[in-house]
Amino acid sequence: MTKLTPRQLETLEQIARGQSMDEAAHNLGVSRSWVEKSLAEARKRLNARTIPNAVYLAAKSGLIAVVLWAGLSDHDMMRPRPPRTRPMVVRMVKRGKDGE
């Protein structure tokens, strides 16, 4: 089993929750560069090519707990954030008397 420090695990969990690096740094009380270094080291230890892949591998091996959003597949879990829903724009067209 891969050994990660408690702070690396906390950092990965923050990212898994959809936090940005700046938000994770604020929540953990550290600098953004510290978060970047922690994630780089965690990626190295997990043999992951990307941060989302590191989160996925850590969750798959039981190192961190991740709550999946309903309706998402394992492939979607590779994303650092849940898919954003865009508001639907509805255009109201005023029709004349003859329906045009």
C-alpha atoms as a PDB file:
ATOM      1  CA  MET A   1       0.000   0.000   0.000  1.00  0.00           C
ATOM      2  CA  THR A   2       1.217   3.478  -0.866  1.00  0.00           C
ATOM      3  CA  LYS A   3       2.295   5.619   2.076  1.00  0.00           C
ATOM      4  CA  LEU A   4       1.032   9.178   2.019  1.00  0.00           C
ATOM      5  CA  THR A   5       1.417  11.677   4.835  1.00  0.00           C
ATOM      6  CA  PRO A   6      -1.715  12.792   6.679  1.00  0.00           C
ATOM      7  CA  ARG A   7      -1.378  16.274   5.124  1.00  0.00           C
ATOM      8  CA  GLN A   8      -1.112  14.794   1.618  1.00  0.00           C
ATOM      9  CA  LEU A   9      -4.286  12.824   2.299  1.00  0.00           C
ATOM     10  CA  GLU A  10      -6.037  15.958   3.583  1.00  0.00           C
ATOM     11  CA  THR A  11      -4.941  17.836   0.475  1.00  0.00           C
ATOM     12  CA  LEU A  12      -6.209  15.093  -1.834  1.00  0.00           C
ATOM     13  CA  GLU A  13      -9.521  15.041   0.048  1.00  0.00           C
ATOM     14  CA  GLN A  14      -9.909  18.795  -0.421  1.00  0.00           C
ATOM     15  CA  ILE A  15      -9.334  18.425  -4.158  1.00  0.00           C
ATOM     16  CA  ALA A  16     -11.711  15.434  -4.276  1.00  0.00           C
ATOM     17  CA  ARG A  17     -14.412  17.663  -2.754  1.00  0.00           C
ATOM     18  CA  GLY A  18     -14.028  20.000  -5.706  1.00  0.00           C
ATOM     19  CA  GLN A  19     -11.935  22.658  -4.002  1.00  0.00           C
ATOM     20  CA  SER A  20      -9.466  24.662  -6.068  1.00  0.00           C
ATOM     21  CA  MET A  21      -5.836  24.803  -4.982  1.00  0.00           C
ATOM     22  CA  ASP A  22      -6.426  28.260  -3.509  1.00  0.00           C
ATOM     23  CA  GLU A  23      -9.493  27.046  -1.596  1.00  0.00           C
ATOM     24  CA  ALA A  24      -7.632  23.972  -0.338  1.00  0.00           C
ATOM     25  CA  ALA A  25      -4.736  26.172   0.805  1.00  0.00           C
ATOM     26  CA  HIS A  26      -7.119  28.446   2.680  1.00  0.00           C
ATOM     27  CA  ASN A  27      -8.967  25.519   4.306  1.00  0.00           C
ATOM     28  CA  LEU A  28      -5.717  23.848   5.366  1.00  0.00           C
ATOM     29  CA  GLY A  29      -4.072  27.082   6.501  1.00  0.00           C
ATOM     30  CA  VAL A  30      -1.112  26.752   4.126  1.00  0.00           C
ATOM     31  CA  SER A  31       0.120  28.482   0.966  1.00  0.00           C
ATOM     32  CA  ARG A  32      -0.909  27.551  -2.550  1.00  0.00           C
ATOM     33  CA  SER A  33       2.683  26.519  -3.325  1.00  0.00           C
ATOM     34  CA  TRP A  34       2.585  24.121  -0.363  1.00  0.00           C
ATOM     35  CA  VAL A  35      -0.602  22.547  -1.787  1.00  0.00           C
ATOM     36  CA  GLU A  36       1.027  22.253  -5.220  1.00  0.00           C
ATOM     37  CA  LYS A  37       4.121  20.556  -3.713  1.00  0.00           C
ATOM     38  CA  SER A  38       1.983  18.242  -1.583  1.00  0.00           C
ATOM     39  CA  LEU A  39      -0.091  17.190  -4.588  1.00  0.00           C
ATOM     40  CA  ALA A  40       3.032  16.689  -6.719  1.00  0.00           C
ATOM     41  CA  GLU A  41       4.531  14.416  -4.069  1.00  0.00           C
ATOM     42  CA  ALA A  42       1.240  12.511  -3.669  1.00  0.00           C
ATOM     43  CA  ARG A  43       1.050  12.052  -7.469  1.00  0.00           C
ATOM     44  CA  LYS A  44       4.604  10.729  -7.470  1.00  0.00           C
ATOM     45  CA  ARG A  45       3.930   8.270  -4.660  1.00  0.00           C
ATOM     46  CA  LEU A  46       0.724   7.046  -6.304  1.00  0.00           C
ATOM     47  CA  ASN A  47       2.322   6.855  -9.786  1.00  0.00           C
ATOM     48  CA  ALA A  48      -0.422   9.129 -11.089  1.00  0.00           C
ATOM     49  CA  ARG A  49       0.006  11.330 -14.145  1.00  0.00           C
ATOM     50  CA  THR A  50      -2.569  13.936 -13.141  1.00  0.00           C
ATOM     51  CA  ILE A  51      -4.141  15.265  -9.960  1.00  0.00           C
ATOM     52  CA  PRO A  52      -7.606  13.854 -10.778  1.00  0.00           C
ATOM     53  CA  ASN A  53      -5.940  10.504 -11.427  1.00  0.00           C
ATOM     54  CA  ALA A  54      -4.194  10.728  -8.029  1.00  0.00           C
ATOM     55  CA  VAL A  55      -7.553  11.401  -6.344  1.00  0.00           C
ATOM     56  CA  TYR A  56      -9.084   8.448  -8.177  1.00  0.00           C
ATOM     57  CA  LEU A  57      -6.238   6.088  -7.252  1.00  0.00           C
ATOM     58  CA  ALA A  58      -6.257   7.200  -3.611  1.00  0.00           C
ATOM     59  CA  ALA A  59     -10.014   6.667  -3.404  1.00  0.00           C
ATOM     60  CA  LYS A  60      -9.855   3.330  -5.220  1.00  0.00           C
ATOM     61  CA  SER A  61      -7.221   2.045  -2.775  1.00  0.00           C
ATOM     62  CA  GLY A  62      -9.230   3.259   0.229  1.00  0.00           C
ATOM     63  CA  LEU A  63      -6.794   5.975   1.292  1.00  0.00           C
ATOM     64  CA  ILE A  64      -9.451   8.700   1.073  1.00  0.00           C
ATOM     65  CA  ALA A  65     -13.223   8.623   1.096  1.00  0.00           C
ATOM     66  CA  VAL A  66     -14.978  10.181  -1.869  1.00  0.00           C
ATOM     67  CA  VAL A  67     -18.703  10.623  -2.238  1.00  0.00           C
ATOM     68  CA  LEU A  68     -19.775  10.123  -5.833  1.00  0.00           C
ATOM     69  CA  TRP A  69     -22.433  12.400  -7.204  1.00  0.00           C
ATOM     70  CA  ALA A  70     -25.504  10.565  -8.383  1.00  0.00           C
ATOM     71  CA  GLY A  71     -25.370   9.620 -12.010  1.00  0.00           C
ATOM     72  CA  LEU A  72     -21.615   9.911 -12.502  1.00  0.00           C
ATOM     73  CA  SER A  73     -19.487   7.070 -13.790  1.00  0.00           C
ATOM     74  CA  ASP A  74     -15.923   6.179 -12.783  1.00  0.00           C
ATOM     75  CA  HIS A  75     -14.740   8.101 -15.843  1.00  0.00           C
ATOM     76  CA  ASP A  76     -16.536  11.223 -14.613  1.00  0.00           C
ATOM     77  CA  MET A  77     -14.813  10.787 -11.250  1.00  0.00           C
ATOM     78  CA  MET A  78     -11.527  11.527 -12.983  1.00  0.00           C
ATOM     79  CA  ARG A  79     -12.629  15.161 -13.140  1.00  0.00           C
ATOM     80  CA  PRO A  80     -11.486  17.388 -10.266  1.00  0.00           C
ATOM     81  CA  ARG A  81     -14.917  18.980  -9.958  1.00  0.00           C
ATOM     82  CA  PRO A  82     -18.446  17.829 -10.651  1.00  0.00           C
ATOM     83  CA  PRO A  83     -19.735  18.856 -14.054  1.00  0.00           C
ATOM     84  CA  ARG A  84     -21.190  22.342 -13.932  1.00  0.00           C
ATOM     85  CA  THR A  85     -24.733  22.755 -15.047  1.00  0.00           C
ATOM     86  CA  ARG A  86     -25.338  25.762 -17.193  1.00  0.00           C
ATOM     87  CA  PRO A  87     -28.609  27.599 -16.862  1.00  0.00           C
ATOM     88  CA  MET A  88     -30.834  26.979 -19.804  1.00  0.00           C
ATOM     89  CA  VAL A  89     -31.550  30.123 -21.756  1.00  0.00           C
ATOM     90  CA  VAL A  90     -35.081  30.329 -23.038  1.00  0.00           C
ATOM     91  CA  ARG A  91     -35.862  32.938 -25.639  1.00  0.00           C
ATOM     92  CA  MET A  92     -39.366  34.207 -25.587  1.00  0.00           C
ATOM     93  CA  VAL A  93     -40.542  35.184 -29.038  1.00  0.00           C
ATOM     94  CA  LYS A  94     -43.474  37.478 -29.305  1.00  0.00           C
ATOM     95  CA  ARG A  95     -45.705  36.255 -32.084  1.00  0.00           C
ATOM     96  CA  GLY A  96     -48.042  38.341 -34.084  1.00  0.00           C
ATOM     97  CA  LYS A  97     -51.727  37.656 -34.537  1.00  0.00           C
ATOM     98  CA  ASP A  98     -51.112  35.258 -37.409  1.00  0.00           C
ATOM     99  CA  GLY A  99     -48.529  33.182 -35.408  1.00  0.00           C
ATOM    100  CA  GLU A 100     -45.410  34.541 -37.083  1.00  0.00           C
END
